[in-house]
Amino acid sequence: MSILAAGLLSIFLFAWIFWPEKNPFRQHVKTRVDYLRERKEAIYENLRDLSFEYKSGKYPDEDYSAQRLALENEAAGVIAEIDRLEA
């Protein structure tokens, strides 16, 4: 009886772990908008890091201004493309 219970438990656990929806090796199909949203969040994080490092004195004014402008332009382009794709 205990062998049967152990076998059924093993089959159940195997099915629960390796069921296709729960498979960690199967990736969600990303759309272009998903990619752009992730990119936008990464740019915002980079802007926060840049601001923190500038306030802590690691960047001179010229470098900070140039990098901030480049990141803001990239963010504007990403947001514009998201808006265009969602329309």
PDB file of N, CA and C in Angstrom:
ATOM      1  N   MET A   1       0.816  -1.189   0.000  1.00  0.00           N
ATOM      2  CA  MET A   1       0.000   0.000   0.000  1.00  0.00           C
ATOM      3  C   MET A   1       0.864   1.259   0.000  1.00  0.00           C
ATOM      4  N   SER A   2       1.919   1.267   0.836  1.00  0.00           N
ATOM      5  CA  SER A   2       2.773   2.454   0.920  1.00  0.00           C
ATOM      6  C   SER A   2       3.566   2.668  -0.371  1.00  0.00           C
ATOM      7  N   ILE A   3       3.887   1.563  -1.065  1.00  0.00           N
ATOM      8  CA  ILE A   3       4.597   1.674  -2.345  1.00  0.00           C
ATOM      9  C   ILE A   3       3.683   2.330  -3.383  1.00  0.00           C
ATOM     10  N   LEU A   4       2.426   1.954  -3.385  1.00  0.00           N
ATOM     11  CA  LEU A   4       1.457   2.543  -4.298  1.00  0.00           C
ATOM     12  C   LEU A   4       1.285   4.038  -4.011  1.00  0.00           C
ATOM     13  N   ALA A   5       1.169   4.402  -2.745  1.00  0.00           N
ATOM     14  CA  ALA A   5       1.026   5.805  -2.364  1.00  0.00           C
ATOM     15  C   ALA A   5       2.265   6.600  -2.759  1.00  0.00           C
ATOM     16  N   ALA A   6       3.439   6.034  -2.546  1.00  0.00           N
ATOM     17  CA  ALA A   6       4.684   6.710  -2.916  1.00  0.00           C
ATOM     18  C   ALA A   6       4.777   6.883  -4.430  1.00  0.00           C
ATOM     19  N   GLY A   7       4.348   5.872  -5.170  1.00  0.00           N
ATOM     20  CA  GLY A   7       4.357   5.962  -6.631  1.00  0.00           C
ATOM     21  C   GLY A   7       3.400   7.024  -7.142  1.00  0.00           C
ATOM     22  N   LEU A   8       2.192   7.063  -6.585  1.00  0.00           N
ATOM     23  CA  LEU A   8       1.226   8.086  -6.992  1.00  0.00           C
ATOM     24  C   LEU A   8       1.723   9.486  -6.625  1.00  0.00           C
ATOM     25  N   LEU A   9       2.326   9.619  -5.448  1.00  0.00           N
ATOM     26  CA  LEU A   9       2.875  10.903  -5.047  1.00  0.00           C
ATOM     27  C   LEU A   9       4.005  11.328  -5.981  1.00  0.00           C
ATOM     28  N   SER A  10       4.841  10.398  -6.368  1.00  0.00           N
ATOM     29  CA  SER A  10       5.944  10.703  -7.289  1.00  0.00           C
ATOM     30  C   SER A  10       5.413  11.147  -8.644  1.00  0.00           C
ATOM     31  N   ILE A  11       4.404  10.465  -9.152  1.00  0.00           N
ATOM     32  CA  ILE A  11       3.814  10.836 -10.444  1.00  0.00           C
ATOM     33  C   ILE A  11       3.178  12.219 -10.352  1.00  0.00           C
ATOM     34  N   PHE A  12       2.465  12.474  -9.279  1.00  0.00           N
ATOM     35  CA  PHE A  12       1.836  13.780  -9.090  1.00  0.00           C
ATOM     36  C   PHE A  12       2.882  14.885  -9.033  1.00  0.00           C
ATOM     37  N   LEU A  13       3.942  14.680  -8.246  1.00  0.00           N
ATOM     38  CA  LEU A  13       4.983  15.695  -8.133  1.00  0.00           C
ATOM     39  C   LEU A  13       5.701  15.917  -9.457  1.00  0.00           C
ATOM     40  N   PHE A  14       5.988  14.859 -10.180  1.00  0.00           N
ATOM     41  CA  PHE A  14       6.635  14.974 -11.482  1.00  0.00           C
ATOM     42  C   PHE A  14       5.759  15.786 -12.433  1.00  0.00           C
ATOM     43  N   ALA A  15       4.462  15.490 -12.476  1.00  0.00           N
ATOM     44  CA  ALA A  15       3.540  16.221 -13.354  1.00  0.00           C
ATOM     45  C   ALA A  15       3.431  17.680 -12.918  1.00  0.00           C
ATOM     46  N   TRP A  16       3.398  17.944 -11.617  1.00  0.00           N
ATOM     47  CA  TRP A  16       3.253  19.315 -11.128  1.00  0.00           C
ATOM     48  C   TRP A  16       4.486  20.152 -11.448  1.00  0.00           C
ATOM     49  N   ILE A  17       5.665  19.561 -11.324  1.00  0.00           N
ATOM     50  CA  ILE A  17       6.907  20.291 -11.578  1.00  0.00           C
ATOM     51  C   ILE A  17       7.125  20.540 -13.061  1.00  0.00           C
ATOM     52  N   PHE A  18       6.875  19.544 -13.892  1.00  0.00           N
ATOM     53  CA  PHE A  18       7.220  19.641 -15.302  1.00  0.00           C
ATOM     54  C   PHE A  18       6.044  19.938 -16.222  1.00  0.00           C
ATOM     55  N   TRP A  19       4.925  20.368 -15.675  1.00  0.00           N
ATOM     56  CA  TRP A  19       3.776  20.718 -16.509  1.00  0.00           C
ATOM     57  C   TRP A  19       4.161  21.895 -17.399  1.00  0.00           C
ATOM     58  N   PRO A  20       3.769  21.918 -18.668  1.00  0.00           N
ATOM     59  CA  PRO A  20       4.257  22.952 -19.600  1.00  0.00           C
ATOM     60  C   PRO A  20       4.053  24.395 -19.144  1.00  0.00           C
ATOM     61  N   GLU A  21       2.965  24.743 -18.488  1.00  0.00           N
ATOM     62  CA  GLU A  21       2.758  26.119 -18.057  1.00  0.00           C
ATOM     63  C   GLU A  21       3.731  26.526 -16.963  1.00  0.00           C
ATOM     64  N   LYS A  22       4.213  25.577 -16.207  1.00  0.00           N
ATOM     65  CA  LYS A  22       5.113  25.869 -15.093  1.00  0.00           C
ATOM     66  C   LYS A  22       6.576  25.642 -15.465  1.00  0.00           C
ATOM     67  N   ASN A  23       6.845  25.367 -16.706  1.00  0.00           N
ATOM     68  CA  ASN A  23       8.197  25.071 -17.143  1.00  0.00           C
ATOM     69  C   ASN A  23       9.033  26.355 -17.134  1.00  0.00           C
ATOM     70  N   PRO A  24      10.089  26.407 -16.330  1.00  0.00           N
ATOM     71  CA  PRO A  24      10.894  27.632 -16.257  1.00  0.00           C
ATOM     72  C   PRO A  24      11.736  27.863 -17.514  1.00  0.00           C
ATOM     73  N   PHE A  25      11.907  26.864 -18.337  1.00  0.00           N
ATOM     74  CA  PHE A  25      12.728  27.006 -19.530  1.00  0.00           C
ATOM     75  C   PHE A  25      11.932  27.520 -20.721  1.00  0.00           C
ATOM     76  N   ARG A  26      10.649  27.621 -20.555  1.00  0.00           N
ATOM     77  CA  ARG A  26       9.788  28.132 -21.616  1.00  0.00           C
ATOM     78  C   ARG A  26       9.569  29.618 -21.370  1.00  0.00           C
ATOM     79  N   GLN A  27       9.890  30.428 -22.351  1.00  0.00           N
ATOM     80  CA  GLN A  27       9.809  31.866 -22.168  1.00  0.00           C
ATOM     81  C   GLN A  27       8.509  32.421 -22.711  1.00  0.00           C
ATOM     82  N   HIS A  28       8.079  33.479 -22.067  1.00  0.00           N
ATOM     83  CA  HIS A  28       6.908  34.206 -22.530  1.00  0.00           C
ATOM     84  C   HIS A  28       7.290  34.951 -23.801  1.00  0.00           C
ATOM     85  N   VAL A  29       6.453  34.922 -24.797  1.00  0.00           N
ATOM     86  CA  VAL A  29       6.725  35.622 -26.042  1.00  0.00           C
ATOM     87  C   VAL A  29       6.519  37.115 -25.809  1.00  0.00           C
ATOM     88  N   LYS A  30       7.591  37.890 -26.004  1.00  0.00           N
ATOM     89  CA  LYS A  30       7.527  39.322 -25.767  1.00  0.00           C
ATOM     90  C   LYS A  30       7.198  40.056 -27.058  1.00  0.00           C
ATOM     91  N   THR A  31       6.386  41.056 -26.919  1.00  0.00           N
ATOM     92  CA  THR A  31       6.094  41.916 -28.049  1.00  0.00           C
ATOM     93  C   THR A  31       7.095  43.069 -28.051  1.00  0.00           C
ATOM     94  N   ARG A  32       7.065  43.844 -29.096  1.00  0.00           N
ATOM     95  CA  ARG A  32       7.951  45.012 -29.186  1.00  0.00           C
ATOM     96  C   ARG A  32       7.626  46.010 -28.064  1.00  0.00           C
ATOM     97  N   VAL A  33       6.351  46.153 -27.734  1.00  0.00           N
ATOM     98  CA  VAL A  33       5.949  47.075 -26.676  1.00  0.00           C
ATOM     99  C   VAL A  33       6.489  46.605 -25.323  1.00  0.00           C
ATOM    100  N   ASP A  34       6.467  45.295 -25.068  1.00  0.00           N
ATOM    101  CA  ASP A  34       7.034  44.765 -23.818  1.00  0.00           C
ATOM    102  C   ASP A  34       8.519  45.090 -23.715  1.00  0.00           C
ATOM    103  N   TYR A  35       9.224  44.878 -24.834  1.00  0.00           N
ATOM    104  CA  TYR A  35      10.651  45.187 -24.851  1.00  0.00           C
ATOM    105  C   TYR A  35      10.881  46.677 -24.585  1.00  0.00           C
ATOM    106  N   LEU A  36      10.082  47.536 -25.222  1.00  0.00           N
ATOM    107  CA  LEU A  36      10.254  48.974 -25.059  1.00  0.00           C
ATOM    108  C   LEU A  36       9.941  49.427 -23.632  1.00  0.00           C
ATOM    109  N   ARG A  37       8.951  48.813 -23.006  1.00  0.00           N
ATOM    110  CA  ARG A  37       8.646  49.155 -21.610  1.00  0.00           C
ATOM    111  C   ARG A  37       9.805  48.777 -20.692  1.00  0.00           C
ATOM    112  N   GLU A  38      10.408  47.621 -20.933  1.00  0.00           N
ATOM    113  CA  GLU A  38      11.568  47.218 -20.145  1.00  0.00           C
ATOM    114  C   GLU A  38      12.727  48.184 -20.373  1.00  0.00           C
ATOM    115  N   ARG A  39      12.905  48.600 -21.624  1.00  0.00           N
ATOM    116  CA  ARG A  39      13.979  49.535 -21.953  1.00  0.00           C
ATOM    117  C   ARG A  39      13.742  50.885 -21.270  1.00  0.00           C
ATOM    118  N   LYS A  40      12.478  51.334 -21.250  1.00  0.00           N
ATOM    119  CA  LYS A  40      12.135  52.600 -20.605  1.00  0.00           C
ATOM    120  C   LYS A  40      12.467  52.542 -19.114  1.00  0.00           C
ATOM    121  N   GLU A  41      12.122  51.436 -18.463  1.00  0.00           N
ATOM    122  CA  GLU A  41      12.439  51.293 -17.039  1.00  0.00           C
ATOM    123  C   GLU A  41      13.947  51.285 -16.808  1.00  0.00           C
ATOM    124  N   ALA A  42      14.705  50.660 -17.699  1.00  0.00           N
ATOM    125  CA  ALA A  42      16.162  50.635 -17.565  1.00  0.00           C
ATOM    126  C   ALA A  42      16.742  52.040 -17.726  1.00  0.00           C
ATOM    127  N   ILE A  43      16.201  52.812 -18.665  1.00  0.00           N
ATOM    128  CA  ILE A  43      16.674  54.185 -18.857  1.00  0.00           C
ATOM    129  C   ILE A  43      16.372  55.025 -17.628  1.00  0.00           C
ATOM    130  N   TYR A  44      15.164  54.891 -17.076  1.00  0.00           N
ATOM    131  CA  TYR A  44      14.813  55.641 -15.867  1.00  0.00           C
ATOM    132  C   TYR A  44      15.730  55.275 -14.706  1.00  0.00           C
ATOM    133  N   GLU A  45      16.053  54.005 -14.592  1.00  0.00           N
ATOM    134  CA  GLU A  45      16.968  53.574 -13.534  1.00  0.00           C
ATOM    135  C   GLU A  45      18.352  54.181 -13.750  1.00  0.00           C
ATOM    136  N   ASN A  46      18.797  54.210 -15.008  1.00  0.00           N
ATOM    137  CA  ASN A  46      20.088  54.829 -15.309  1.00  0.00           C
ATOM    138  C   ASN A  46      20.084  56.316 -14.975  1.00  0.00           C
ATOM    139  N   LEU A  47      18.964  57.000 -15.234  1.00  0.00           N
ATOM    140  CA  LEU A  47      18.857  58.415 -14.881  1.00  0.00           C
ATOM    141  C   LEU A  47      18.931  58.616 -13.365  1.00  0.00           C
ATOM    142  N   ARG A  48      18.264  57.744 -12.619  1.00  0.00           N
ATOM    143  CA  ARG A  48      18.334  57.836 -11.158  1.00  0.00           C
ATOM    144  C   ARG A  48      19.758  57.615 -10.662  1.00  0.00           C
ATOM    145  N   ASP A  49      20.429  56.601 -11.221  1.00  0.00           N
ATOM    146  CA  ASP A  49      21.811  56.323 -10.822  1.00  0.00           C
ATOM    147  C   ASP A  49      22.732  57.487 -11.177  1.00  0.00           C
ATOM    148  N   LEU A  50      22.537  58.043 -12.367  1.00  0.00           N
ATOM    149  CA  LEU A  50      23.363  59.166 -12.801  1.00  0.00           C
ATOM    150  C   LEU A  50      23.168  60.361 -11.881  1.00  0.00           C
ATOM    151  N   SER A  51      21.932  60.634 -11.522  1.00  0.00           N
ATOM    152  CA  SER A  51      21.646  61.748 -10.625  1.00  0.00           C
ATOM    153  C   SER A  51      22.284  61.535  -9.249  1.00  0.00           C
ATOM    154  N   PHE A  52      22.181  60.328  -8.739  1.00  0.00           N
ATOM    155  CA  PHE A  52      22.779  60.015  -7.438  1.00  0.00           C
ATOM    156  C   PHE A  52      24.294  60.182  -7.486  1.00  0.00           C
ATOM    157  N   GLU A  53      24.920  59.671  -8.547  1.00  0.00           N
ATOM    158  CA  GLU A  53      26.377  59.759  -8.643  1.00  0.00           C
ATOM    159  C   GLU A  53      26.832  61.205  -8.848  1.00  0.00           C
ATOM    160  N   TYR A  54      26.037  61.994  -9.561  1.00  0.00           N
ATOM    161  CA  TYR A  54      26.373  63.415  -9.731  1.00  0.00           C
ATOM    162  C   TYR A  54      26.293  64.146  -8.393  1.00  0.00           C
ATOM    163  N   LYS A  55      25.236  63.864  -7.623  1.00  0.00           N
ATOM    164  CA  LYS A  55      25.082  64.530  -6.328  1.00  0.00           C
ATOM    165  C   LYS A  55      26.168  64.109  -5.339  1.00  0.00           C
ATOM    166  N   SER A  56      26.711  62.903  -5.532  1.00  0.00           N
ATOM    167  CA  SER A  56      27.778  62.459  -4.635  1.00  0.00           C
ATOM    168  C   SER A  56      29.151  62.946  -5.095  1.00  0.00           C
ATOM    169  N   GLY A  57      29.191  63.688  -6.214  1.00  0.00           N
ATOM    170  CA  GLY A  57      30.438  64.302  -6.656  1.00  0.00           C
ATOM    171  C   GLY A  57      31.288  63.460  -7.576  1.00  0.00           C
ATOM    172  N   LYS A  58      30.746  62.424  -8.177  1.00  0.00           N
ATOM    173  CA  LYS A  58      31.535  61.550  -9.041  1.00  0.00           C
ATOM    174  C   LYS A  58      31.614  62.046 -10.486  1.00  0.00           C
ATOM    175  N   TYR A  59      30.725  62.967 -10.882  1.00  0.00           N
ATOM    176  CA  TYR A  59      30.700  63.450 -12.258  1.00  0.00           C
ATOM    177  C   TYR A  59      30.844  64.963 -12.291  1.00  0.00           C
ATOM    178  N   PRO A  60      31.646  65.466 -13.224  1.00  0.00           N
ATOM    179  CA  PRO A  60      31.685  66.919 -13.417  1.00  0.00           C
ATOM    180  C   PRO A  60      30.407  67.381 -14.133  1.00  0.00           C
ATOM    181  N   ASP A  61      30.138  68.667 -14.066  1.00  0.00           N
ATOM    182  CA  ASP A  61      28.904  69.219 -14.637  1.00  0.00           C
ATOM    183  C   ASP A  61      28.746  68.900 -16.122  1.00  0.00           C
ATOM    184  N   GLU A  62      29.824  69.010 -16.895  1.00  0.00           N
ATOM    185  CA  GLU A  62      29.743  68.799 -18.341  1.00  0.00           C
ATOM    186  C   GLU A  62      29.357  67.353 -18.676  1.00  0.00           C
ATOM    187  N   ASP A  63      30.001  66.410 -18.011  1.00  0.00           N
ATOM    188  CA  ASP A  63      29.706  64.995 -18.261  1.00  0.00           C
ATOM    189  C   ASP A  63      28.278  64.646 -17.839  1.00  0.00           C
ATOM    190  N   TYR A  64      27.880  65.175 -16.685  1.00  0.00           N
ATOM    191  CA  TYR A  64      26.527  64.915 -16.200  1.00  0.00           C
ATOM    192  C   TYR A  64      25.481  65.444 -17.182  1.00  0.00           C
ATOM    193  N   SER A  65      25.690  66.670 -17.643  1.00  0.00           N
ATOM    194  CA  SER A  65      24.726  67.274 -18.568  1.00  0.00           C
ATOM    195  C   SER A  65      24.644  66.488 -19.875  1.00  0.00           C
ATOM    196  N   ALA A  66      25.783  66.078 -20.402  1.00  0.00           N
ATOM    197  CA  ALA A  66      25.800  65.340 -21.665  1.00  0.00           C
ATOM    198  C   ALA A  66      25.133  63.972 -21.518  1.00  0.00           C
ATOM    199  N   GLN A  67      25.445  63.262 -20.452  1.00  0.00           N
ATOM    200  CA  GLN A  67      24.855  61.936 -20.253  1.00  0.00           C
ATOM    201  C   GLN A  67      23.367  62.029 -19.950  1.00  0.00           C
ATOM    202  N   ARG A  68      22.985  63.021 -19.173  1.00  0.00           N
ATOM    203  CA  ARG A  68      21.565  63.201 -18.862  1.00  0.00           C
ATOM    204  C   ARG A  68      20.779  63.517 -20.127  1.00  0.00           C
ATOM    205  N   LEU A  69      21.314  64.396 -20.966  1.00  0.00           N
ATOM    206  CA  LEU A  69      20.644  64.744 -22.214  1.00  0.00           C
ATOM    207  C   LEU A  69      20.515  63.523 -23.126  1.00  0.00           C
ATOM    208  N   ALA A  70      21.564  62.713 -23.214  1.00  0.00           N
ATOM    209  CA  ALA A  70      21.511  61.513 -24.050  1.00  0.00           C
ATOM    210  C   ALA A  70      20.457  60.530 -23.536  1.00  0.00           C
ATOM    211  N   LEU A  71      20.406  60.318 -22.224  1.00  0.00           N
ATOM    212  CA  LEU A  71      19.416  59.408 -21.654  1.00  0.00           C
ATOM    213  C   LEU A  71      17.992  59.946 -21.811  1.00  0.00           C
ATOM    214  N   GLU A  72      17.816  61.243 -21.639  1.00  0.00           N
ATOM    215  CA  GLU A  72      16.482  61.831 -21.816  1.00  0.00           C
ATOM    216  C   GLU A  72      16.013  61.725 -23.265  1.00  0.00           C
ATOM    217  N   ASN A  73      16.933  61.932 -24.216  1.00  0.00           N
ATOM    218  CA  ASN A  73      16.575  61.788 -25.633  1.00  0.00           C
ATOM    219  C   ASN A  73      16.208  60.343 -25.964  1.00  0.00           C
ATOM    220  N   GLU A  74      16.964  59.411 -25.407  1.00  0.00           N
ATOM    221  CA  GLU A  74      16.654  58.000 -25.646  1.00  0.00           C
ATOM    222  C   GLU A  74      15.306  57.635 -25.042  1.00  0.00           C
ATOM    223  N   ALA A  75      15.028  58.133 -23.841  1.00  0.00           N
ATOM    224  CA  ALA A  75      13.737  57.868 -23.198  1.00  0.00           C
ATOM    225  C   ALA A  75      12.596  58.460 -24.016  1.00  0.00           C
ATOM    226  N   ALA A  76      12.791  59.657 -24.541  1.00  0.00           N
ATOM    227  CA  ALA A  76      11.749  60.284 -25.359  1.00  0.00           C
ATOM    228  C   ALA A  76      11.486  59.469 -26.621  1.00  0.00           C
ATOM    229  N   GLY A  77      12.531  58.952 -27.221  1.00  0.00           N
ATOM    230  CA  GLY A  77      12.352  58.109 -28.407  1.00  0.00           C
ATOM    231  C   GLY A  77      11.611  56.820 -28.100  1.00  0.00           C
ATOM    232  N   VAL A  78      11.948  56.215 -26.976  1.00  0.00           N
ATOM    233  CA  VAL A  78      11.284  54.966 -26.574  1.00  0.00           C
ATOM    234  C   VAL A  78       9.810  55.225 -26.265  1.00  0.00           C
ATOM    235  N   ILE A  79       9.523  56.290 -25.546  1.00  0.00           N
ATOM    236  CA  ILE A  79       8.129  56.614 -25.204  1.00  0.00           C
ATOM    237  C   ILE A  79       7.333  56.932 -26.462  1.00  0.00           C
ATOM    238  N   ALA A  80       7.945  57.653 -27.397  1.00  0.00           N
ATOM    239  CA  ALA A  80       7.252  57.966 -28.650  1.00  0.00           C
ATOM    240  C   ALA A  80       6.933  56.695 -29.433  1.00  0.00           C
ATOM    241  N   GLU A  81       7.873  55.749 -29.444  1.00  0.00           N
ATOM    242  CA  GLU A  81       7.609  54.500 -30.167  1.00  0.00           C
ATOM    243  C   GLU A  81       6.543  53.668 -29.468  1.00  0.00           C
ATOM    244  N   ILE A  82       6.538  53.666 -28.141  1.00  0.00           N
ATOM    245  CA  ILE A  82       5.481  52.961 -27.407  1.00  0.00           C
ATOM    246  C   ILE A  82       4.118  53.562 -27.753  1.00  0.00           C
ATOM    247  N   ASP A  83       4.032  54.879 -27.732  1.00  0.00           N
ATOM    248  CA  ASP A  83       2.776  55.550 -28.066  1.00  0.00           C
ATOM    249  C   ASP A  83       2.340  55.232 -29.494  1.00  0.00           C
ATOM    250  N   ARG A  84       3.294  55.211 -30.413  1.00  0.00           N
ATOM    251  CA  ARG A  84       2.974  54.914 -31.811  1.00  0.00           C
ATOM    252  C   ARG A  84       2.467  53.483 -31.970  1.00  0.00           C
ATOM    253  N   LEU A  85       3.079  52.545 -31.270  1.00  0.00           N
ATOM    254  CA  LEU A  85       2.678  51.143 -31.398  1.00  0.00           C
ATOM    255  C   LEU A  85       1.350  50.866 -30.708  1.00  0.00           C
ATOM    256  N   GLU A  86       1.069  51.592 -29.621  1.00  0.00           N
ATOM    257  CA  GLU A  86      -0.183  51.358 -28.899  1.00  0.00           C
ATOM    258  C   GLU A  86      -1.385  52.041 -29.551  1.00  0.00           C
ATOM    259  N   ALA A  87      -1.113  53.006 -30.417  1.00  0.00           N
ATOM    260  CA  ALA A  87      -2.212  53.731 -31.085  1.00  0.00           C
ATOM    261  C   ALA A  87      -2.842  52.913 -32.192  1.00  0.00           C
TER     262      ALA A  87
END
